[in-house]
Amino acid sequence: MNSINLEAYFENIRKKTGKTPADFKQLAEKKGFVVNGEIAPNIKPTDFFKWLKEDFQLGRGHALAIYHTLKEQGK
C-alpha cells in the first residue's frame, strides 16, 4: 500500500471510529496483539482482522491498513 492510499484509509477509519493509528496501536497492545512495539508472533492477521471487524465494524481493507502500519512500525 502506498502512503496516499493509507492516508485515505486512515481518514475514513478516523471518521468511522474516531481513532487514529496511534490509538489502534495502544488498543492492540492492551489486547496483547502488539508486544514491545511489534505484532506478537502468535497473532495471525485473521485474528487481528476479526477483532477490528467485531469491535469497530471495519472491513478487511481498513483492517489491512491498520495491520500493515503496525507491522511496519515494528520493524
Protein backbone atom coordinates (compact mmCIF):
# COMPACT_ATOMS: atom_id res chain seq x y z
CA MET A 1 0.00 0.00 0.00
CA ASN A 2 1.35 3.39 -0.83
CA SER A 3 1.15 6.37 1.51
CA ILE A 4 -1.66 8.07 -0.46
CA ASN A 5 -3.91 5.01 -0.12
CA LEU A 6 -3.05 4.67 3.56
CA GLU A 7 -3.85 8.31 4.22
CA ALA A 8 -7.26 7.90 2.61
CA TYR A 9 -7.91 4.68 4.53
CA PHE A 10 -6.92 6.27 7.82
CA GLU A 11 -9.06 9.34 7.19
CA ASN A 12 -12.06 7.06 6.62
CA ILE A 13 -11.17 4.95 9.66
CA ARG A 14 -10.91 8.08 11.82
CA LYS A 15 -14.30 9.30 10.59
CA LYS A 16 -15.91 5.94 11.30
CA THR A 17 -14.26 5.14 14.65
CA GLY A 18 -12.80 8.40 15.93
CA LYS A 19 -9.47 6.60 16.29
CA THR A 20 -6.01 7.25 14.86
CA PRO A 21 -3.30 4.70 14.04
CA ALA A 22 -1.69 5.52 17.41
CA ASP A 23 -5.00 4.78 19.15
CA PHE A 24 -5.21 1.40 17.42
CA LYS A 25 -1.62 0.63 18.43
CA GLN A 26 -2.47 1.30 22.08
CA LEU A 27 -5.62 -0.82 21.86
CA ALA A 28 -3.70 -3.65 20.16
CA GLU A 29 -1.09 -3.50 22.95
CA LYS A 30 -3.84 -3.80 25.58
CA LYS A 31 -5.24 -6.86 23.76
CA GLY A 32 -1.78 -8.43 23.57
CA PHE A 33 -1.69 -8.23 19.78
CA VAL A 34 1.30 -5.86 19.89
CA VAL A 35 4.16 -6.58 22.28
CA ASN A 36 7.30 -4.44 22.57
CA GLY A 37 6.18 -2.43 19.55
CA GLU A 38 5.76 -5.45 17.27
CA ILE A 39 2.82 -7.61 16.33
CA ALA A 40 3.09 -10.66 18.56
CA PRO A 41 4.37 -13.73 16.71
CA ASN A 42 1.38 -15.84 17.76
CA ILE A 43 -1.12 -13.35 16.27
CA LYS A 44 -2.36 -14.23 12.82
CA PRO A 45 -3.65 -11.48 10.51
CA THR A 46 -7.08 -13.12 10.59
CA ASP A 47 -7.21 -12.74 14.40
CA PHE A 48 -6.39 -9.07 14.01
CA PHE A 49 -8.98 -8.56 11.26
CA LYS A 50 -11.66 -10.36 13.30
CA TRP A 51 -11.03 -8.06 16.29
CA LEU A 52 -11.31 -4.92 14.17
CA LYS A 53 -14.48 -6.17 12.49
CA GLU A 54 -16.18 -7.19 15.74
CA ASP A 55 -15.16 -4.19 17.83
CA PHE A 56 -15.11 -1.41 15.22
CA GLN A 57 -17.10 -2.77 12.25
CA LEU A 58 -14.09 -2.26 9.98
CA GLY A 59 -13.83 -4.17 6.73
CA ARG A 60 -10.85 -6.14 5.51
CA GLY A 61 -9.27 -3.22 3.61
CA HIS A 62 -9.34 -0.93 6.62
CA ALA A 63 -8.13 -3.70 8.91
CA LEU A 64 -5.31 -4.48 6.49
CA ALA A 65 -4.23 -0.83 6.51
CA ILE A 66 -4.03 -0.84 10.30
CA TYR A 67 -2.27 -4.22 10.42
CA HIS A 68 0.22 -3.19 7.73
CA THR A 69 1.01 0.07 9.53
CA LEU A 70 1.59 -1.63 12.87
CA LYS A 71 3.70 -4.33 11.24
CA GLU A 72 5.89 -1.69 9.53
CA GLN A 73 6.26 0.30 12.76
CA GLY A 74 7.60 -2.81 14.47
CA LYS A 75 10.47 -3.21 12.02
